[in-house]
Amino acid sequence: MTEVIIPYTPRPLQNDLHQELDNHRWAVIVCHRRFGKTVMAINHLLRASILSDKKNPRFAYVAPTYRQAKSVAWDYIKQFTSKIPNIKFNETELRCDLPNGARITLLGSENPDSLRGIYLDGCVIDEVADMPESVFPEVIRPALSDRKGFCYFIGTPKGHNMFYDLYENGEIQPEWYTALYKASETNILDEEELRQASQTMSPDQYNQEFECSWVANIPGSIFGSEMEQLQEDGKITTCPYDPSLRVDTYWDLGLNDSTAIWFAQTSRGGAVSVIDYYEVRNEGLPHFVGVLEDKEYLYGTHNAPHDIEVRELGTGRSRREVAYDLGINFRVVPKLPIEDGIHAVKMMLPRCMFDVKNCKDGIEALRHYHRAYNERTRSFRATPVHDWTSHGADAFRYMAVGLKQQQVQQAPQSFADNKWDPLGSDKRMKAIG
């Protein structure tokens, strides 16, 4: 057997990645700029091609565009295969044919249908955030099935998109590997270079490109840094329902608008497990009675803002009264200025853990809740923007205020019941309301 030496000496972090990738079929690698992710990925594909014992192994490097694949990776392919005898390059197809029958091809994702019909033993998808979301599930994933090939996603964050979803889901999947490398932690770029970069870039640009921030491109984000810290601390994860604790709900009731509900369990130590989130538009209270019943939680208190007591002109009854007749005994959360509520949320978030699946839409609302930028004054407005994020954020604000209130006055609870019946005993509802 001919010895093949690839002219590549990985950095320590790159070497660690090679070892991890050898043991995982799926991986999501988030890297700061100039980490060397493409060099690492190309050499991993090359090593896999050389060592493969399958017939006619096929590997691919996929970039957002064909032109980008050529400019970023083609020279690396030729550089690191230069010592391999009888290597062949097809410049037109950006294809490298190895003597053992293996092939590495560079592809672009701008025309996903052109990639259909191939099979792959391994694939690296670079800058995933810039690609059509259909590329992996509809094209690449089926191509990997026949030979059980691997796929590694690499890139730098660009907000919340498919790349973020892959990273977030990968963190809770035991067969997936995830890693995030910040420039402030890797020491690949020296402090002076990073300092100069920070002086010529906006804080958001710097945090996105060098600190791998998922929320840096959301100007004026109110809870962005807190949510990012929760992500880093592993508190956005699997958070199952604990049958030994009651579930409290916190509502933002919409009239001809969206209604948002958070479902949370609070331990005796004060930790808050946010286990579920529900939001829907233009539905009445009977709909939500069904939602509560279907979830089969053991409920504690149901909390709503002060406007639930406003009486409707047509009937003269408040929505709180209507809800009570339907079996939901709401507590009214104290009315506080928005800024006081926002402060309460910021104080509470470090105590929270979120279920990444059940609370996905609510988590996104908290991350994107923001203030508008005033170009004339070069400052952010005091009032948060009212958009799709407002309902989830407002309901969570009521949770923070409501929990603070409950620390002072706890509701009496009966533990005789195993399941709450929203259409059942008024006596039981009064006991927990």
Protein backbone atom coordinates (compact mmCIF):
# COMPACT_ATOMS: atom_id res chain seq x y z
CA MET A 1 0.00 0.00 0.00
CA THR A 2 1.34 3.41 -0.96
CA GLU A 3 1.77 5.83 1.93
CA VAL A 4 -0.06 9.09 1.35
CA ILE A 5 0.96 12.18 3.31
CA ILE A 6 -1.38 15.16 3.24
CA PRO A 7 0.51 18.46 3.71
CA TYR A 8 -1.75 19.58 6.54
CA THR A 9 -0.99 20.08 10.20
CA PRO A 10 -4.20 20.83 12.09
CA ARG A 11 -4.33 23.37 14.87
CA PRO A 12 -5.18 21.90 18.28
CA LEU A 13 -8.86 22.85 17.99
CA GLN A 14 -9.02 21.51 14.44
CA ASN A 15 -7.42 18.27 15.61
CA ASP A 16 -10.01 17.98 18.38
CA LEU A 17 -12.75 18.43 15.79
CA HIS A 18 -11.33 15.71 13.54
CA GLN A 19 -11.42 13.27 16.45
CA GLU A 20 -14.99 14.18 17.38
CA LEU A 21 -16.20 13.99 13.79
CA ASP A 22 -14.71 10.53 13.41
CA ASN A 23 -17.20 9.40 16.06
CA HIS A 24 -20.31 11.20 14.84
CA ARG A 25 -22.40 10.92 11.71
CA TRP A 26 -24.01 14.34 12.23
CA ALA A 27 -22.40 17.53 13.51
CA VAL A 28 -23.02 21.28 13.64
CA ILE A 29 -19.88 23.40 14.00
CA VAL A 30 -20.29 27.13 14.65
CA CYS A 31 -17.03 29.02 14.13
CA HIS A 32 -15.82 32.58 14.23
CA ARG A 33 -14.24 34.09 11.13
CA ARG A 34 -10.69 32.91 10.37
CA PHE A 35 -11.08 29.82 12.52
CA GLY A 36 -10.05 27.60 9.62
CA LYS A 37 -13.30 25.67 9.33
CA THR A 38 -13.11 25.21 5.55
CA VAL A 39 -9.52 23.92 5.70
CA MET A 40 -10.55 21.51 8.44
CA ALA A 41 -13.62 20.36 6.51
CA ILE A 42 -11.80 19.79 3.21
CA ASN A 43 -9.10 17.76 4.91
CA HIS A 44 -11.66 15.69 6.77
CA LEU A 45 -13.39 14.90 3.48
CA LEU A 46 -10.04 14.08 1.90
CA ARG A 47 -9.05 11.73 4.71
CA ALA A 48 -12.44 10.01 4.57
CA SER A 49 -12.05 9.59 0.79
CA ILE A 50 -8.62 8.00 1.10
CA LEU A 51 -9.59 5.63 3.93
CA SER A 52 -12.99 4.58 2.59
CA ASP A 53 -13.32 0.88 1.79
CA LYS A 54 -16.57 1.28 -0.13
CA LYS A 55 -16.88 0.95 -3.87
CA ASN A 56 -16.60 4.30 -5.66
CA PRO A 57 -16.93 6.52 -2.58
CA ARG A 58 -18.54 9.90 -3.19
CA PHE A 59 -18.07 12.99 -1.05
CA ALA A 60 -19.20 16.57 -1.48
CA TYR A 61 -18.52 20.07 -0.21
CA VAL A 62 -21.61 22.27 -0.61
CA ALA A 63 -21.46 26.08 -0.51
CA PRO A 64 -24.30 28.60 -0.97
CA THR A 65 -23.28 29.12 -4.62
CA TYR A 66 -21.17 27.27 -7.15
CA ARG A 67 -18.93 30.32 -7.55
CA GLN A 68 -18.43 30.50 -3.80
CA ALA A 69 -17.53 26.80 -3.63
CA LYS A 70 -14.88 27.37 -6.26
CA SER A 71 -13.39 30.51 -4.71
CA VAL A 72 -13.39 29.16 -1.16
CA ALA A 73 -12.52 25.48 -1.47
CA TRP A 74 -11.15 24.53 -4.89
CA ASP A 75 -7.62 25.79 -4.24
CA TYR A 76 -7.58 23.93 -0.93
CA ILE A 77 -8.57 20.71 -2.69
CA LYS A 78 -5.66 21.01 -5.11
CA GLN A 79 -3.22 22.13 -2.41
CA PHE A 80 -3.85 19.26 -0.02
CA THR A 81 -3.98 16.54 -2.71
CA SER A 82 -0.77 17.68 -4.39
CA LYS A 83 1.26 14.77 -2.92
CA ILE A 84 -1.18 12.08 -4.04
CA PRO A 85 0.01 10.24 -7.18
CA ASN A 86 -2.34 9.85 -10.15
CA ILE A 87 -4.78 12.43 -8.82
CA LYS A 88 -7.11 13.92 -11.43
CA PHE A 89 -8.91 17.27 -11.44
CA ASN A 90 -11.91 18.26 -13.50
CA GLU A 91 -11.92 22.06 -13.52
CA THR A 92 -15.27 22.27 -15.30
CA GLU A 93 -17.11 20.12 -12.76
CA LEU A 94 -14.94 21.09 -9.75
CA ARG A 95 -14.27 17.42 -9.18
CA CYS A 96 -11.28 15.62 -7.68
CA ASP A 97 -10.85 11.93 -8.57
CA LEU A 98 -8.59 9.87 -6.31
CA PRO A 99 -6.71 6.72 -7.38
CA ASN A 100 -8.90 4.46 -5.19
CA GLY A 101 -12.04 5.47 -7.10
CA ALA A 102 -13.15 8.03 -4.53
CA ARG A 103 -14.38 11.42 -5.66
CA ILE A 104 -14.81 14.80 -3.98
CA THR A 105 -17.07 17.29 -5.75
CA LEU A 106 -17.72 20.93 -4.97
CA LEU A 107 -21.36 21.94 -5.30
CA GLY A 108 -23.52 25.05 -5.01
CA SER A 109 -26.98 25.19 -3.46
CA GLU A 110 -28.47 27.94 -5.66
CA ASN A 111 -30.20 25.32 -7.79
CA PRO A 112 -31.17 22.46 -5.44
CA ASP A 113 -32.84 20.39 -8.16
CA SER A 114 -29.52 20.07 -9.99
CA LEU A 115 -28.18 18.09 -7.01
CA ARG A 116 -30.88 15.43 -7.08
CA GLY A 117 -30.05 11.87 -8.03
CA ILE A 118 -26.56 11.68 -6.51
CA TYR A 119 -25.46 9.41 -3.68
CA LEU A 120 -23.02 10.47 -0.97
CA ASP A 121 -20.82 8.78 1.60
CA GLY A 122 -20.10 12.08 3.30
CA CYS A 123 -20.86 15.75 2.94
CA VAL A 124 -19.89 19.12 4.41
CA ILE A 125 -22.39 21.97 4.08
CA ASP A 126 -20.69 25.35 4.54
CA GLU A 127 -22.39 28.68 5.44
CA VAL A 128 -25.70 26.93 5.98
CA ALA A 129 -27.41 30.19 6.97
CA ASP A 130 -27.17 31.43 3.37
CA MET A 131 -28.79 28.38 1.77
CA PRO A 132 -32.37 27.46 0.83
CA GLU A 133 -33.83 25.46 3.70
CA SER A 134 -34.94 22.69 1.34
CA VAL A 135 -31.39 21.70 0.34
CA PHE A 136 -30.65 19.36 3.24
CA PRO A 137 -34.00 17.66 3.95
CA GLU A 138 -35.07 17.29 0.31
CA VAL A 139 -31.77 16.70 -1.49
CA ILE A 140 -28.72 15.97 0.66
CA ARG A 141 -30.38 13.84 3.34
CA PRO A 142 -31.85 11.34 0.84
CA ALA A 143 -28.49 11.18 -0.95
CA LEU A 144 -26.85 10.00 2.30
CA SER A 145 -29.35 7.24 3.06
CA ASP A 146 -28.19 4.37 0.85
CA ARG A 147 -24.66 4.31 2.25
CA LYS A 148 -25.43 5.87 5.64
CA GLY A 149 -23.14 8.78 4.90
CA PHE A 150 -22.18 11.55 7.30
CA CYS A 151 -23.03 15.24 7.09
CA TYR A 152 -21.37 18.14 8.90
CA PHE A 153 -22.83 21.65 8.95
CA ILE A 154 -20.34 24.48 9.40
CA GLY A 155 -20.68 28.25 9.39
CA THR A 156 -21.00 31.53 11.24
CA PRO A 157 -24.36 32.68 12.69
CA LYS A 158 -26.69 34.96 10.76
CA GLY A 159 -29.62 35.20 13.11
CA HIS A 160 -32.22 32.50 13.55
CA ASN A 161 -32.65 30.28 10.52
CA MET A 162 -32.06 26.67 9.53
CA PHE A 163 -28.46 26.78 10.80
CA TYR A 164 -29.65 27.91 14.21
CA ASP A 165 -32.39 25.26 14.26
CA LEU A 166 -29.86 22.56 13.41
CA TYR A 167 -27.54 23.71 16.18
CA GLU A 168 -30.34 23.99 18.73
CA ASN A 169 -31.81 20.58 17.87
CA GLY A 170 -28.37 19.00 17.67
CA GLU A 171 -27.65 19.99 21.25
CA ILE A 172 -30.40 17.71 22.53
CA GLN A 173 -29.83 14.79 20.13
CA PRO A 174 -27.34 12.28 21.61
CA GLU A 175 -26.15 11.09 18.19
CA TRP A 176 -25.30 14.63 17.07
CA TYR A 177 -22.17 16.63 17.89
CA THR A 178 -22.30 20.40 18.32
CA ALA A 179 -19.57 22.93 19.00
CA LEU A 180 -19.36 26.73 19.10
CA TYR A 181 -16.06 28.59 18.90
CA LYS A 182 -15.78 32.28 19.85
CA ALA A 183 -12.76 34.33 18.89
CA SER A 184 -12.40 35.51 22.50
CA GLU A 185 -11.94 31.89 23.59
CA THR A 186 -9.94 30.18 20.82
CA ASN A 187 -6.86 32.51 20.84
CA ILE A 188 -6.47 31.93 17.10
CA LEU A 189 -6.59 35.69 16.47
CA ASP A 190 -4.54 37.81 18.84
CA GLU A 191 -6.06 40.46 21.08
CA GLU A 192 -4.72 43.36 19.02
CA GLU A 193 -6.36 42.06 15.84
CA LEU A 194 -9.66 41.58 17.61
CA ARG A 195 -9.41 45.04 19.16
CA GLN A 196 -8.85 46.65 15.77
CA ALA A 197 -11.70 44.64 14.26
CA SER A 198 -14.07 45.78 17.01
CA GLN A 199 -13.16 49.41 16.28
CA THR A 200 -14.11 49.19 12.61
CA MET A 201 -17.26 47.09 13.02
CA SER A 202 -20.51 47.79 14.82
CA PRO A 203 -20.99 45.84 18.09
CA ASP A 204 -23.63 43.67 16.42
CA GLN A 205 -21.38 42.93 13.44
CA TYR A 206 -18.45 42.06 15.68
CA ASN A 207 -20.51 39.87 17.98
CA GLN A 208 -21.98 37.99 15.04
CA GLU A 209 -18.78 37.43 13.06
CA PHE A 210 -16.27 36.92 15.87
CA GLU A 211 -18.32 35.99 18.94
CA CYS A 212 -20.82 33.74 17.12
CA SER A 213 -23.86 35.53 18.53
CA TRP A 214 -27.21 34.27 17.27
CA VAL A 215 -29.02 37.48 18.22
CA ALA A 216 -26.46 40.13 17.26
CA ASN A 217 -28.33 40.96 14.05
CA ILE A 218 -31.51 41.86 15.99
CA PRO A 219 -30.94 45.57 16.74
CA GLY A 220 -32.51 46.68 19.99
CA SER A 221 -33.16 43.17 21.26
CA ILE A 222 -34.52 43.48 24.81
CA PHE A 223 -33.96 39.98 26.14
CA GLY A 224 -31.42 38.82 23.55
CA SER A 225 -28.38 38.69 25.81
CA GLU A 226 -30.29 36.89 28.57
CA MET A 227 -31.66 34.31 26.14
CA GLU A 228 -28.22 33.80 24.64
CA GLN A 229 -26.79 33.21 28.12
CA LEU A 230 -29.50 30.63 28.79
CA GLN A 231 -28.53 28.91 25.54
CA GLU A 232 -24.87 28.85 26.53
CA ASP A 233 -25.74 27.54 29.99
CA GLY A 234 -27.72 24.64 28.51
CA LYS A 235 -31.02 25.89 29.91
CA ILE A 236 -32.84 25.77 26.57
CA THR A 237 -33.11 22.04 26.38
CA THR A 238 -35.51 19.19 27.13
CA CYS A 239 -37.65 20.23 30.07
CA PRO A 240 -40.29 17.57 30.80
CA TYR A 241 -43.50 18.00 32.76
CA ASP A 242 -43.10 17.07 36.44
CA PRO A 243 -46.36 15.43 37.64
CA SER A 244 -45.50 16.27 41.25
CA LEU A 245 -45.78 20.01 40.59
CA ARG A 246 -48.77 22.03 39.46
CA VAL A 247 -48.60 23.95 36.20
CA ASP A 248 -49.32 27.67 36.32
CA THR A 249 -50.38 29.46 33.14
CA TYR A 250 -49.73 33.06 32.14
CA TRP A 251 -51.82 34.67 29.43
CA ASP A 252 -51.80 37.62 27.07
CA LEU A 253 -55.43 37.68 25.93
CA GLY A 254 -56.00 39.05 22.46
CA LEU A 255 -59.27 40.52 21.24
CA ASN A 256 -59.38 39.95 17.46
CA ASP A 257 -55.67 39.27 17.85
CA SER A 258 -53.31 36.56 19.09
CA THR A 259 -53.59 35.02 22.53
CA ALA A 260 -50.37 33.65 24.02
CA ILE A 261 -50.06 31.25 26.98
CA TRP A 262 -46.95 30.16 28.87
CA PHE A 263 -47.05 26.98 30.97
CA ALA A 264 -44.59 26.89 33.87
CA GLN A 265 -43.77 24.89 36.97
CA THR A 266 -42.00 26.52 39.91
CA SER A 267 -39.99 24.44 42.37
CA ARG A 268 -39.78 25.14 46.09
CA GLY A 269 -36.32 26.57 45.51
CA GLY A 270 -37.65 29.12 43.01
CA ALA A 271 -36.39 27.52 39.79
CA VAL A 272 -38.86 28.00 36.94
CA SER A 273 -39.37 25.22 34.39
CA VAL A 274 -41.10 26.66 31.33
CA ILE A 275 -42.51 23.49 29.83
CA ASP A 276 -44.92 24.67 27.13
CA TYR A 277 -46.17 27.58 25.04
CA TYR A 278 -49.30 28.06 22.99
CA GLU A 279 -50.33 30.92 20.71
CA VAL A 280 -53.22 31.24 18.30
CA ARG A 281 -55.10 34.05 16.61
CA ASN A 282 -58.80 34.96 16.68
CA GLU A 283 -60.03 32.24 19.03
CA GLY A 284 -62.48 32.63 21.92
CA LEU A 285 -62.23 31.38 25.47
CA PRO A 286 -64.04 28.05 24.77
CA HIS A 287 -61.16 27.13 22.44
CA PHE A 288 -58.61 27.59 25.23
CA VAL A 289 -60.63 25.47 27.66
CA GLY A 290 -60.13 22.63 25.18
CA VAL A 291 -56.42 23.40 24.86
CA LEU A 292 -55.92 23.23 28.63
CA GLU A 293 -57.85 19.98 28.90
CA ASP A 294 -55.99 18.34 26.02
CA LYS A 295 -52.61 18.98 27.62
CA GLU A 296 -53.62 16.95 30.69
CA TYR A 297 -51.51 18.94 33.12
CA LEU A 298 -52.34 19.29 36.81
CA TYR A 299 -53.02 23.02 36.94
CA GLY A 300 -52.39 25.53 39.67
CA THR A 301 -53.14 29.19 38.99
CA HIS A 302 -54.20 30.84 35.74
CA ASN A 303 -52.90 34.39 35.46
CA ALA A 304 -54.06 37.17 33.14
CA PRO A 305 -53.48 40.92 32.80
CA HIS A 306 -55.75 43.53 34.39
CA ASP A 307 -57.71 44.16 31.19
CA ILE A 308 -59.45 40.80 31.59
CA GLU A 309 -61.79 42.62 34.00
CA VAL A 310 -62.91 45.17 31.42
CA ARG A 311 -66.62 44.72 30.74
CA GLU A 312 -67.76 44.33 27.15
CA LEU A 313 -70.33 46.83 25.90
CA GLY A 314 -72.57 44.22 24.30
CA THR A 315 -72.98 41.87 27.26
CA GLY A 316 -71.91 43.92 30.25
CA ARG A 317 -69.77 40.99 31.39
CA SER A 318 -66.02 40.80 31.69
CA ARG A 319 -63.93 38.09 30.09
CA ARG A 320 -62.90 37.02 33.57
CA GLU A 321 -66.54 36.24 34.35
CA VAL A 322 -66.99 34.41 31.07
CA ALA A 323 -63.86 32.38 31.75
CA TYR A 324 -65.06 31.51 35.25
CA ASP A 325 -68.30 30.13 33.85
CA LEU A 326 -66.22 27.97 31.51
CA GLY A 327 -64.12 26.61 34.40
CA ILE A 328 -61.08 28.91 34.34
CA ASN A 329 -60.68 31.03 37.47
CA PHE A 330 -58.18 33.72 36.51
CA ARG A 331 -55.99 35.63 38.87
CA VAL A 332 -55.32 39.20 37.83
CA VAL A 333 -51.66 40.15 37.55
CA PRO A 334 -50.88 43.59 39.02
CA LYS A 335 -50.64 46.39 36.49
CA LEU A 336 -47.10 47.71 36.29
CA PRO A 337 -45.33 50.04 33.85
CA ILE A 338 -43.86 48.10 30.91
CA GLU A 339 -40.30 48.92 31.95
CA ASP A 340 -40.91 47.53 35.43
CA GLY A 341 -42.26 44.35 33.86
CA ILE A 342 -39.25 44.10 31.54
CA HIS A 343 -36.97 44.48 34.54
CA ALA A 344 -38.87 41.71 36.33
CA VAL A 345 -38.33 39.42 33.32
CA LYS A 346 -34.61 40.15 33.25
CA MET A 347 -34.39 39.31 36.94
CA MET A 348 -36.35 36.07 36.50
CA LEU A 349 -34.78 34.66 33.31
CA PRO A 350 -31.59 33.34 34.99
CA ARG A 351 -33.86 31.09 37.11
CA CYS A 352 -35.64 29.68 34.06
CA MET A 353 -35.23 26.56 32.00
CA PHE A 354 -37.13 26.22 28.70
CA ASP A 355 -38.28 23.17 26.78
CA VAL A 356 -36.69 23.72 23.39
CA LYS A 357 -39.41 21.87 21.46
CA ASN A 358 -42.65 22.85 23.18
CA CYS A 359 -41.60 26.47 23.69
CA LYS A 360 -39.90 27.08 20.36
CA ASP A 361 -42.23 29.84 19.14
CA GLY A 362 -42.26 31.56 22.51
CA ILE A 363 -38.48 31.44 22.78
CA GLU A 364 -38.20 33.05 19.36
CA ALA A 365 -40.61 35.79 20.47
CA LEU A 366 -38.46 36.56 23.51
CA ARG A 367 -35.29 36.64 21.44
CA HIS A 368 -36.72 38.97 18.79
CA TYR A 369 -38.66 41.30 21.11
CA HIS A 370 -36.99 44.64 20.47
CA ARG A 371 -37.06 48.42 20.46
CA ALA A 372 -37.07 50.38 17.22
CA TYR A 373 -34.05 52.49 16.30
CA ASN A 374 -34.56 56.23 15.86
CA GLU A 375 -32.12 57.40 13.21
CA ARG A 376 -32.72 61.07 14.01
CA THR A 377 -31.70 60.74 17.65
CA ARG A 378 -29.38 57.76 17.03
CA SER A 379 -30.98 55.89 19.90
CA PHE A 380 -33.52 53.15 20.50
CA ARG A 381 -37.06 54.14 21.37
CA ALA A 382 -38.27 53.54 24.91
CA THR A 383 -41.39 51.62 23.89
CA PRO A 384 -40.91 48.09 22.48
CA VAL A 385 -42.11 47.47 18.93
CA HIS A 386 -45.58 45.93 18.74
CA ASP A 387 -45.32 43.03 16.29
CA TRP A 388 -45.56 39.23 16.25
CA THR A 389 -43.19 39.01 19.24
CA SER A 390 -45.35 41.17 21.52
CA HIS A 391 -47.89 38.53 22.55
CA GLY A 392 -45.37 35.99 23.81
CA ALA A 393 -43.21 38.68 25.40
CA ASP A 394 -46.18 40.33 27.13
CA ALA A 395 -47.43 37.00 28.49
CA PHE A 396 -43.94 36.28 29.81
CA ARG A 397 -43.85 39.73 31.40
CA TYR A 398 -47.07 38.85 33.22
CA MET A 399 -45.39 35.65 34.36
CA ALA A 400 -42.49 37.55 35.90
CA VAL A 401 -44.84 39.96 37.64
CA GLY A 402 -47.21 37.18 38.71
CA LEU A 403 -44.45 35.03 40.18
CA LYS A 404 -43.14 38.00 42.10
CA GLN A 405 -46.61 38.52 43.51
CA GLN A 406 -46.95 34.84 44.43
CA GLN A 407 -43.75 34.99 46.44
CA VAL A 408 -45.64 37.26 48.80
CA GLN A 409 -48.98 35.49 48.74
CA GLN A 410 -49.11 31.80 47.85
CA ALA A 411 -52.35 30.25 46.66
CA PRO A 412 -53.68 27.35 48.77
CA GLN A 413 -53.48 24.07 46.92
CA SER A 414 -55.17 20.72 47.34
CA PHE A 415 -53.18 17.65 46.38
CA ALA A 416 -56.13 15.29 46.45
CA ASP A 417 -56.77 15.56 42.72
CA ASN A 418 -54.72 13.77 40.11
CA LYS A 419 -56.00 15.78 37.14
CA TRP A 420 -57.69 19.11 36.71
CA ASP A 421 -61.02 19.06 34.93
CA PRO A 422 -61.57 22.49 33.31
CA LEU A 423 -65.30 21.86 33.00
CA GLY A 424 -65.70 20.30 36.41
CA SER A 425 -66.09 21.42 40.01
CA ASP A 426 -66.28 25.14 40.67
CA LYS A 427 -65.19 24.36 44.21
CA ARG A 428 -61.92 22.90 42.98
CA MET A 429 -61.35 25.86 40.66
CA LYS A 430 -61.89 28.30 43.51
CA ALA A 431 -59.40 26.38 45.61
CA ILE A 432 -56.66 26.83 43.02
CA GLY A 433 -57.78 30.20 41.64
